[in-house]
Protein backbone atom coordinates (compact mmCIF):
# COMPACT_ATOMS: atom_id res chain seq x y z
CA GLY A 1 17.27 9.22 7.69
CA GLU A 2 16.16 6.74 5.21
CA ARG A 3 17.10 3.70 7.27
CA GLY A 4 14.22 1.46 7.38
CA LEU A 5 12.14 4.09 5.58
CA VAL A 6 10.05 1.15 3.14
CA ARG A 7 9.67 -1.05 6.71
CA ASP A 8 8.21 2.01 8.51
CA LEU A 9 6.02 3.26 5.27
CA CYS A 10 4.74 -0.50 5.58
CA THR A 11 3.78 -0.14 8.76
CA LEU A 12 2.41 3.18 8.42
CA VAL A 13 -0.15 1.96 5.48
CA GLY A 14 -0.53 -1.53 7.34
CA ASP A 15 -2.17 0.41 10.18
CA ILE A 16 -4.41 2.50 7.57
CA MET A 17 -5.42 -0.54 6.08
CA ASP A 18 -6.29 -2.39 9.23
CA SER A 19 -8.11 1.10 10.30
CA THR A 20 -10.16 1.10 7.82
CA ALA A 21 -10.91 -2.67 6.38
CA ARG A 22 -11.55 -5.21 9.51
CA ALA A 23 -11.06 -8.84 8.60
CA GLY A 24 -11.62 -8.29 4.57
CA ALA A 25 -15.47 -7.55 5.02
CA ASP A 26 -15.08 -3.71 4.16
CA ARG A 27 -12.58 -4.59 0.99
CA GLN A 28 -15.77 -6.72 -0.06
CA ALA A 29 -18.14 -4.14 0.67
CA ILE A 30 -16.16 -1.70 -1.35
CA ARG A 31 -15.72 -3.88 -4.52
CA GLU A 32 -19.26 -5.01 -4.40
CA LEU A 33 -20.17 -1.33 -3.98
CA LEU A 34 -17.87 -0.26 -6.51
CA ALA A 35 -19.43 -3.35 -8.96
CA ASP A 36 -22.86 -1.98 -7.95
CA GLN A 37 -21.85 1.41 -8.71
CA PRO A 38 -18.90 1.90 -10.52
CA GLU A 39 -19.17 6.01 -10.89
CA LEU A 40 -18.27 6.05 -7.50
CA ALA A 41 -14.70 4.73 -8.59
CA PRO A 42 -13.02 8.20 -9.62
CA ASP A 43 -13.82 9.42 -6.20
CA VAL A 44 -12.08 6.38 -4.60
CA ILE A 45 -9.20 6.88 -6.90
CA LYS A 46 -9.27 10.33 -5.82
CA LEU A 47 -9.02 9.41 -1.89
CA ALA A 48 -6.31 7.10 -2.66
CA ALA A 49 -4.85 9.79 -4.63
CA LEU A 50 -5.21 12.09 -1.26
CA LEU A 51 -3.84 9.61 1.04
CA ARG A 52 -0.54 8.64 -1.16
CA ARG A 53 0.40 12.45 -1.28
CA ASP A 54 -0.01 12.77 2.56
CA ILE A 55 2.44 9.22 2.72
CA VAL A 56 4.84 11.08 0.48
CA ALA A 57 4.94 14.37 2.34
CA LEU A 58 5.48 12.29 5.67
CA ALA A 59 8.41 10.05 3.61
CA GLU A 60 9.89 13.63 2.27
CA GLN A 61 11.05 14.24 6.15
CA ARG A 62 13.21 11.70 5.75
CA THR A 63 14.89 11.56 2.61
CA SER A 64 14.76 13.65 -0.69
CA PRO A 65 11.42 14.43 -2.70
CA GLU A 66 12.01 11.88 -5.81
CA ARG A 67 13.37 9.11 -3.13
CA ALA A 68 10.25 9.33 -1.33
CA GLN A 69 8.06 9.25 -4.17
CA LEU A 70 9.79 6.37 -5.58
CA ALA A 71 9.37 4.60 -1.76
CA VAL A 72 6.03 5.09 -1.58
CA THR A 73 5.20 3.76 -5.06
CA LEU A 74 7.26 0.28 -4.06
CA VAL A 75 4.99 0.23 -0.63
CA MET A 76 1.58 1.42 -2.79
CA SER A 77 2.30 -1.05 -5.12
CA ALA A 78 2.56 -4.37 -2.54
CA VAL A 79 -1.02 -2.80 -1.72
CA ASP A 80 -2.06 -2.81 -5.11
CA CYS A 81 -0.89 -6.51 -4.80
CA ALA A 82 -2.84 -7.11 -1.86
CA LEU A 83 -6.07 -5.69 -3.05
CA HIS A 84 -6.09 -8.24 -5.56
CA ARG A 85 -5.13 -11.38 -3.18
CA PRO A 86 -8.29 -13.64 -1.65
CA LEU A 87 -9.92 -11.65 1.06
CA GLU A 88 -8.58 -13.42 4.00
CA ALA A 89 -7.61 -10.20 5.83
CA PRO A 90 -3.94 -11.08 7.80
CA GLU A 91 -3.94 -9.37 11.33
CA GLN A 92 -2.26 -6.04 10.69
CA ALA A 93 1.49 -7.33 12.09
CA GLU A 94 0.93 -10.10 9.47
CA PHE A 95 -0.27 -7.50 6.73
CA THR A 96 2.27 -5.24 7.71
CA GLY A 97 5.05 -8.14 7.13
CA TRP A 98 2.89 -9.46 4.17
CA LEU A 99 3.56 -5.60 2.64
CA PHE A 100 7.32 -5.48 3.29
CA ASP A 101 7.90 -9.35 1.61
CA ALA A 102 6.29 -8.11 -1.06
CA VAL A 103 8.58 -5.31 -1.78
CA MET A 104 11.41 -7.38 -1.07
CA THR A 105 10.09 -9.67 -3.89
CA MET A 106 10.04 -6.71 -6.03
CA GLN A 107 13.11 -5.77 -5.49
CA ALA A 108 14.43 -9.12 -5.86
CA ILE A 109 12.19 -9.69 -9.31
CA ALA A 110 14.47 -6.48 -10.44
CA ARG A 111 17.59 -7.18 -9.75
CA GLU A 112 17.11 -10.71 -11.43
CA SER A 113 16.19 -9.23 -14.18
CA LEU A 114 19.35 -7.69 -15.12
CA ASP A 115 21.30 -10.61 -14.87
């Protein structure tokens, strides 16, 4: 079911990020590559969109398509925030926790804005 879905998505995405970017070095290299060759950006965006589609499909096994899309959007928004952080890359478990904390902060901001 949906219980723990967002936390599980944070763990999944954290695992993916950890397996593809060690100690921030790969992330820095990607930033430099895209700065030097901005024509590669569409390919990077396409790969990210394909990965997102696959993650949504996994989430749909536990909830409706609409809720899966929203849950993945929350987690991917947290990833976007992480990509703009300084390059000190936390350990995977810390990164997963950071993603979940970021999602919870987004939730709090949304709730507070309604008051």
